[in-house]
Amino acid sequence: RVIVDRRGPYFKLGAGVTVRRSTTARMYYAVHDQRSPLARVSVVVHRSGVVVKRQDLGCLRTGTRLRFSYIPPRTGVYVVTFTAIDLAGNRQQTPAYWRVNSR
């Protein structure tokens, strides 16, 4: 019996946060997939449409609670984009976004 995985992973993210400049913003998240035990996760941080940071988090276990931290260097609104690819090569349908307001 052969099982074909055609669905990509998806995220469950925490709510956006407001922090002071140079203070750590933390968020708990989970990446889920119906068939794959691992997913390769990458993160891109944007400020005013410009990429501020790009990070590959590696292959993470699906279904477990994980934590992401970011320290905004300047005031402004930062948008953190999470994307994932499962072991079968399926990409998630839509990226997950997390908003960080730095004041």
Foldseek 3Di string as FASTA:
>chain_A
DDDDFDAWKDKDWDAAEEEAAQDKDKIKMFIADDPFQWKWKKKFKDFPNHTDDIGTPGIDGGPDIDMDMDHHNDFGKMKMWMWIAGPNGDTHPDIDIYIYGYD
